[in-house]
């Protein structure tokens, strides 16, 4: 089976896992660890760049980072927190599901188009960097929003 097909099936599976985790997470209060740990766990994937087949040119790095940061705007816009029962929860967003599926479709289309001109190793490196460049600004934004509500919650608790 072709690498592009196998990796695309993996991407679809991971996309559905993210949706499942996101829906489940909205039912429980969140905390700083749940916000900042995913990028740290994901960062271990950068070890792929030690293997020459995955290394990128400066232009490929720039393209992946810019596209990832642009995609992160959509995730940032659909990730809001609220205070419920003296805890902070991630609000459910119907748009998040559509945006995540849309980003997955765009990724699959780009992968199928680019796989004919870019080596599969470099393409993998580009899509990892795109994903990482998307998750980091998103999680930084989530952290800032969370901390704003956390301070608000702490100040209301100290008044009582």
Protein backbone atom coordinates (compact mmCIF):
# COMPACT_ATOMS: atom_id res chain seq x y z
CA UNK A 1 0.00 0.00 0.00
CA UNK A 2 1.19 3.49 -0.83
CA UNK A 3 2.70 5.63 2.01
CA UNK A 4 0.44 8.58 1.22
CA UNK A 5 -2.68 6.40 1.57
CA UNK A 6 -1.47 4.82 4.82
CA UNK A 7 -0.52 8.17 6.34
CA UNK A 8 -3.83 9.68 5.19
CA UNK A 9 -5.75 6.88 6.92
CA UNK A 10 -3.65 7.58 10.03
CA UNK A 11 -4.47 11.30 9.79
CA UNK A 12 -8.20 10.58 9.58
CA UNK A 13 -7.95 8.25 12.59
CA UNK A 14 -6.03 10.88 14.59
CA UNK A 15 -8.56 13.54 13.58
CA UNK A 16 -11.41 11.48 14.98
CA UNK A 17 -9.41 10.81 18.14
CA UNK A 18 -8.94 14.58 18.62
CA UNK A 19 -12.69 15.10 18.19
CA UNK A 20 -13.45 12.38 20.73
CA UNK A 21 -10.94 13.74 23.26
CA UNK A 22 -12.22 17.30 22.78
CA UNK A 23 -15.86 16.26 23.37
CA UNK A 24 -14.90 14.30 26.46
CA UNK A 25 -12.71 17.13 27.80
CA UNK A 26 -15.61 19.59 27.70
CA UNK A 27 -17.38 17.54 30.37
CA UNK A 28 -14.62 17.98 32.96
CA UNK A 29 -12.95 21.08 34.40
CA UNK A 30 -9.68 21.96 32.73
CA UNK A 31 -6.35 23.01 34.17
CA UNK A 32 -2.98 24.35 33.06
CA UNK A 33 -1.48 20.88 32.59
CA UNK A 34 -4.22 19.83 30.18
CA UNK A 35 -3.54 22.93 28.13
CA UNK A 36 0.25 23.03 27.99
CA UNK A 37 1.26 19.36 27.97
CA UNK A 38 0.04 18.37 24.45
CA UNK A 39 2.61 20.55 22.63
CA UNK A 40 5.37 19.18 24.88
CA UNK A 41 4.33 15.59 24.15
CA UNK A 42 4.07 16.36 20.45
CA UNK A 43 7.50 17.99 20.38
CA UNK A 44 9.20 14.59 20.62
CA UNK A 45 8.14 14.09 16.99
CA UNK A 46 10.79 16.65 16.02
CA UNK A 47 13.34 13.89 16.54
CA UNK A 48 12.42 12.85 12.99
CA UNK A 49 14.58 15.70 11.72
CA UNK A 50 17.70 13.80 12.80
CA UNK A 51 16.97 11.47 9.88
CA UNK A 52 18.05 13.11 6.60
CA UNK A 53 14.90 12.02 4.69
CA UNK A 54 12.72 14.21 6.93
CA UNK A 55 14.83 17.38 6.81
CA UNK A 56 13.29 20.45 5.21
CA UNK A 57 14.56 23.34 3.16
CA UNK A 58 14.22 26.86 4.57
CA UNK A 59 11.31 27.52 2.21
CA UNK A 60 9.48 24.33 3.28
CA UNK A 61 9.92 25.31 6.94
CA UNK A 62 8.58 28.79 6.24
CA UNK A 63 5.58 27.46 4.27
CA UNK A 64 4.67 24.90 6.96
CA UNK A 65 5.01 27.37 9.84
CA UNK A 66 2.98 30.10 8.12
CA UNK A 67 0.21 27.69 7.11
CA UNK A 68 0.14 26.16 10.61
CA UNK A 69 -0.13 29.57 12.25
CA UNK A 70 -2.92 30.58 9.87
CA UNK A 71 -4.83 27.38 10.66
CA UNK A 72 -4.34 28.01 14.39
CA UNK A 73 -6.47 31.15 14.09
CA UNK A 74 -9.52 28.98 13.39
CA UNK A 75 -8.83 26.85 16.46
CA UNK A 76 -8.21 29.90 18.63
CA UNK A 77 -11.52 31.44 17.58
CA UNK A 78 -13.45 28.30 18.58
CA UNK A 79 -11.73 27.63 21.93
CA UNK A 80 -13.36 29.54 24.73
CA UNK A 81 -13.55 28.89 28.46
CA UNK A 82 -16.30 29.49 30.98
CA UNK A 83 -16.63 29.33 34.74
CA UNK A 84 -19.14 26.76 35.98
CA UNK A 85 -19.53 25.60 39.58
CA UNK A 86 -16.35 27.40 40.63
CA UNK A 87 -14.32 25.54 37.98
CA UNK A 88 -13.11 26.45 34.50
CA UNK A 89 -14.47 24.45 31.57
CA UNK A 90 -13.75 24.50 27.87
CA UNK A 91 -16.95 25.57 26.13
CA UNK A 92 -18.38 23.22 23.55
CA UNK A 93 -18.33 24.71 20.09
CA UNK A 94 -20.27 23.26 17.19
CA UNK A 95 -17.98 25.15 14.83
CA UNK A 96 -14.90 23.38 16.26
CA UNK A 97 -16.00 20.04 14.83
CA UNK A 98 -16.52 21.51 11.37
CA UNK A 99 -13.25 23.41 11.50
CA UNK A 100 -11.29 20.34 12.61
CA UNK A 101 -12.86 18.21 9.88
CA UNK A 102 -12.26 21.01 7.36
CA UNK A 103 -8.60 21.27 8.37
CA UNK A 104 -8.28 17.50 8.03
CA UNK A 105 -9.78 17.60 4.52
CA UNK A 106 -7.47 20.47 3.52
CA UNK A 107 -4.51 18.51 4.89
CA UNK A 108 -5.49 15.38 2.95
CA UNK A 109 -5.98 17.34 -0.28
CA UNK A 110 -2.64 19.11 0.16
CA UNK A 111 -0.92 15.81 0.90
CA UNK A 112 -2.34 14.15 -2.21
CA UNK A 113 -1.34 17.11 -4.40
CA UNK A 114 2.11 17.64 -2.89
CA UNK A 115 3.03 13.94 -2.74
CA UNK A 116 3.65 13.97 -6.48
CA UNK A 117 6.29 16.72 -6.22
CA UNK A 118 7.73 16.41 -2.69
CA UNK A 119 9.43 13.33 -1.26
CA UNK A 120 7.26 11.49 1.31
CA UNK A 121 9.85 12.01 4.08
CA UNK A 122 10.01 15.76 3.55
CA UNK A 123 6.23 15.88 3.20
CA UNK A 124 5.92 14.13 6.56
CA UNK A 125 8.33 16.63 8.07
CA UNK A 126 6.33 19.51 6.62
CA UNK A 127 3.00 18.22 7.94
CA UNK A 128 4.46 17.59 11.39
CA UNK A 129 5.80 21.15 11.45
CA UNK A 130 2.46 22.48 10.16
CA UNK A 131 0.62 20.67 12.96
CA UNK A 132 3.11 21.83 15.58
CA UNK A 133 2.91 25.41 14.29
CA UNK A 134 -0.84 25.16 14.61
CA UNK A 135 -1.02 23.66 18.11
CA UNK A 136 1.53 25.94 19.81
CA UNK A 137 -0.19 29.31 19.13
CA UNK A 138 -3.56 27.68 19.85
CA UNK A 139 -2.40 26.36 23.22
CA UNK A 140 -0.66 29.62 24.13
CA UNK A 141 -3.92 31.43 23.42
CA UNK A 142 -5.84 28.87 25.48
CA UNK A 143 -3.37 29.28 28.35
CA UNK A 144 -3.76 33.06 28.34
CA UNK A 145 -7.58 32.80 28.28
CA UNK A 146 -7.54 30.18 31.02
CA UNK A 147 -5.25 32.27 33.25
CA UNK A 148 -7.45 35.33 32.82
CA UNK A 149 -10.47 33.34 34.05
CA UNK A 150 -8.39 31.65 36.75
CA UNK A 151 -7.34 35.04 38.19
CA UNK A 152 -10.95 36.22 37.98
CA UNK A 153 -12.10 33.08 39.80
CA UNK A 154 -9.41 33.50 42.48
CA UNK A 155 -10.34 37.13 43.09
CA UNK A 156 -14.02 36.22 43.56
CA UNK A 157 -13.05 33.41 45.95
CA UNK A 158 -10.85 35.75 48.01
CA UNK A 159 -13.72 38.24 48.35
CA UNK A 160 -15.86 35.58 50.01
